[in-house]
Protein backbone atom coordinates (compact mmCIF):
# COMPACT_ATOMS: atom_id res chain seq x y z
CA UNK A 1 -0.21 0.16 0.11
CA UNK A 2 2.97 2.48 0.85
CA UNK A 3 4.08 2.28 -2.73
CA UNK A 4 0.67 3.82 -4.07
CA UNK A 5 0.81 6.57 -1.61
CA UNK A 6 4.36 7.34 -3.00
CA UNK A 7 3.46 6.85 -6.58
CA UNK A 8 0.23 9.28 -6.41
CA UNK A 9 2.50 11.78 -4.44
CA UNK A 10 5.20 11.74 -7.41
CA UNK A 11 2.55 11.68 -10.09
CA UNK A 12 0.52 14.72 -8.48
CA UNK A 13 4.02 16.68 -9.00
CA UNK A 14 3.37 16.04 -12.86
CA UNK A 15 6.97 15.12 -13.75
CA UNK A 16 6.04 14.55 -17.53
CA UNK A 17 5.80 18.64 -17.65
CA UNK A 18 9.66 18.71 -16.90
CA UNK A 19 11.19 17.08 -19.85
CA UNK A 20 14.86 16.09 -19.50
CA UNK A 21 17.61 14.33 -21.58
CA UNK A 22 17.67 10.46 -21.41
CA UNK A 23 21.17 10.95 -20.17
CA UNK A 24 20.37 13.16 -17.49
CA UNK A 25 19.76 12.34 -13.60
CA UNK A 26 16.32 12.60 -12.07
CA UNK A 27 15.98 13.38 -8.53
CA UNK A 28 12.86 12.24 -6.20
CA UNK A 29 13.00 13.43 -2.62
CA UNK A 30 11.50 10.97 -0.02
CA UNK A 31 11.20 10.53 3.69
CA UNK A 32 11.40 7.22 5.82
CA UNK A 33 7.97 6.36 7.26
CA UNK A 34 7.18 3.86 10.09
CA UNK A 35 5.93 1.18 7.57
CA UNK A 36 9.25 1.42 5.68
CA UNK A 37 11.14 -0.27 8.76
CA UNK A 38 12.02 -3.84 9.69
CA UNK A 39 12.76 -4.86 13.22
CA UNK A 40 15.96 -3.05 13.50
CA UNK A 41 14.16 0.17 12.96
CA UNK A 42 15.88 0.85 9.80
CA UNK A 43 14.56 0.52 5.99
CA UNK A 44 14.13 -2.83 5.04
CA UNK A 45 16.24 -4.16 2.06
CA UNK A 46 13.06 -4.71 -0.25
CA UNK A 47 11.66 -1.54 0.33
CA UNK A 48 14.69 -0.08 -1.35
CA UNK A 49 13.62 -1.79 -4.43
CA UNK A 50 9.95 -0.37 -4.05
CA UNK A 51 11.30 2.97 -3.50
CA UNK A 52 13.61 2.49 -6.76
CA UNK A 53 10.28 1.86 -8.68
CA UNK A 54 9.00 5.24 -7.98
CA UNK A 55 12.36 6.73 -9.09
CA UNK A 56 12.24 4.83 -12.19
CA UNK A 57 8.64 5.87 -12.99
CA UNK A 58 9.66 9.53 -12.52
CA UNK A 59 12.50 8.90 -14.79
CA UNK A 60 10.47 7.29 -17.53
CA UNK A 61 7.72 10.25 -17.33
CA UNK A 62 10.36 12.95 -17.45
CA UNK A 63 12.39 11.44 -20.47
CA UNK A 64 9.36 10.58 -22.39
CA UNK A 65 10.08 6.95 -22.65
CA UNK A 66 6.44 6.47 -21.42
CA UNK A 67 5.02 8.17 -24.44
CA UNK A 68 7.23 6.13 -26.70
CA UNK A 69 6.27 2.90 -25.20
CA UNK A 70 2.74 3.70 -25.45
CA UNK A 71 3.21 4.63 -28.88
CA UNK A 72 4.60 1.02 -29.55
CA UNK A 73 2.20 -0.57 -27.09
CA UNK A 74 5.03 -1.82 -24.91
CA UNK A 75 5.47 -2.25 -21.34
CA UNK A 76 8.49 -2.26 -19.20
CA UNK A 77 9.56 -5.45 -17.64
CA UNK A 78 12.32 -5.67 -15.09
CA UNK A 79 14.78 -8.68 -15.82
CA UNK A 80 17.30 -8.30 -12.80
CA UNK A 81 17.96 -5.87 -9.76
CA UNK A 82 21.05 -5.90 -7.82
CA UNK A 83 21.46 -3.58 -4.57
CA UNK A 84 24.30 -2.71 -2.50
CA UNK A 85 23.65 -0.90 0.99
CA UNK A 86 26.28 1.31 2.84
CA UNK A 87 24.52 2.99 5.33
CA UNK A 88 21.09 2.87 7.08
CA UNK A 89 18.14 5.08 6.73
CA UNK A 90 16.38 5.93 9.77
CA UNK A 91 12.71 6.64 10.93
CA UNK A 92 11.68 10.15 9.50
CA UNK A 93 15.12 10.69 7.60
CA UNK A 94 14.83 12.53 4.48
CA UNK A 95 16.66 11.02 1.50
CA UNK A 96 16.95 11.34 -2.57
CA UNK A 97 16.88 9.03 -5.41
CA UNK A 98 18.87 9.71 -8.24
CA UNK A 99 18.16 8.05 -11.09
CA UNK A 100 20.14 7.61 -14.54
CA UNK A 101 20.54 5.34 -17.44
CA UNK A 102 23.88 3.49 -17.33
CA UNK A 103 23.69 2.35 -20.91
CA UNK A 104 22.04 -0.26 -23.21
CA UNK A 105 22.41 -3.10 -25.69
CA UNK A 106 20.09 -4.34 -28.33
CA UNK A 107 17.91 -5.86 -25.65
CA UNK A 108 18.27 -4.60 -22.01
CA UNK A 109 18.34 -1.10 -20.58
CA UNK A 110 20.48 -0.54 -17.41
CA UNK A 111 19.41 1.79 -14.78
CA UNK A 112 21.16 3.03 -11.73
CA UNK A 113 19.18 4.43 -8.54
CA UNK A 114 21.45 6.10 -6.11
CA UNK A 115 20.06 6.67 -2.61
CA UNK A 116 21.47 9.88 -1.27
CA UNK A 117 21.06 11.24 2.33
CA UNK A 118 22.82 14.22 3.78
CA UNK A 119 25.33 14.35 0.74
CA UNK A 120 26.21 10.65 1.28
CA UNK A 121 25.69 7.63 -0.74
CA UNK A 122 23.31 5.53 1.18
CA UNK A 123 22.60 2.66 -1.31
CA UNK A 124 22.72 1.94 -4.88
CA UNK A 125 20.27 -0.23 -6.83
CA UNK A 126 21.15 -1.38 -10.42
CA UNK A 127 18.17 -2.59 -12.64
CA UNK A 128 18.31 -4.29 -16.12
CA UNK A 129 14.94 -4.23 -17.86
CA UNK A 130 13.34 -4.58 -21.16
CA UNK A 131 10.34 -3.24 -23.14
CA UNK A 132 8.05 -5.83 -24.53
CA UNK A 133 5.11 -5.39 -26.65
CA UNK A 134 2.29 -7.79 -27.36
CA UNK A 135 3.88 -8.39 -30.86
CA UNK A 136 7.47 -8.67 -30.07
CA UNK A 137 10.31 -7.73 -27.76
CA UNK A 138 11.59 -3.93 -28.36
CA UNK A 139 14.98 -3.64 -29.92
CA UNK A 140 17.04 -0.81 -28.70
CA UNK A 141 19.08 1.02 -31.64
CA UNK A 142 22.88 0.74 -30.90
CA UNK A 143 23.21 3.49 -33.52
CA UNK A 144 23.41 6.51 -30.77
CA UNK A 145 25.75 4.90 -28.58
CA UNK A 146 28.12 7.39 -29.46
CA UNK A 147 29.65 10.14 -26.93
CA UNK A 148 28.16 12.93 -29.32
CA UNK A 149 24.77 11.82 -28.12
CA UNK A 150 24.84 13.58 -24.72
CA UNK A 151 22.31 16.37 -25.44
CA UNK A 152 18.64 15.19 -26.72
CA UNK A 153 18.52 18.71 -28.66
CA UNK A 154 21.57 17.64 -30.95
CA UNK A 155 21.72 14.87 -33.54
CA UNK A 156 24.67 12.40 -33.33
CA UNK A 157 26.85 11.46 -36.55
CA UNK A 158 24.57 8.97 -37.64
CA UNK A 159 21.47 11.23 -37.87
CA UNK A 160 19.59 10.10 -35.02
CA UNK A 161 18.40 11.69 -32.03
CA UNK A 162 20.21 11.01 -28.91
CA UNK A 163 19.36 8.16 -26.67
CA UNK A 164 17.93 4.86 -27.38
CA UNK A 165 15.23 4.30 -29.88
CA UNK A 166 12.71 1.83 -29.62
CA UNK A 167 11.76 -0.61 -32.60
CA UNK A 168 9.38 -3.67 -32.64
CA UNK A 169 11.46 -6.67 -33.31
């Protein structure tokens, strides 16, 4: 139930109005609530993954990937998730989730969620995911994997716009 309140709170801020580059880092601020805690009174490991979902949804909305996925009738699917926790988050502590795309290949997108509190890294979650439509798996173009594609308003040497492009396989 906690995820729904956080997701609703994020959606009320209308992140799709703040368009960002696919290589940008998006930031979502949160606070630790009593239902996030385990018996040791710090955030349970599974809750980090749930909060990363909210950060990822914010990223997908701000970068416009959600619109592209809808256009191709594709849904995002998480393949793997890996987490490393450095420091605990305590009750009522404020923190931020910094989300950015690490890269992609023909099938997978790799996304990093960095949990920050008081200027320090608390934990890192890496997600490997794919977009899938009813017809087929969506292929991601590698033609923009050049360093020239760092700004969505520019075009790379291959003539495509920056960031991964989705094509139905």
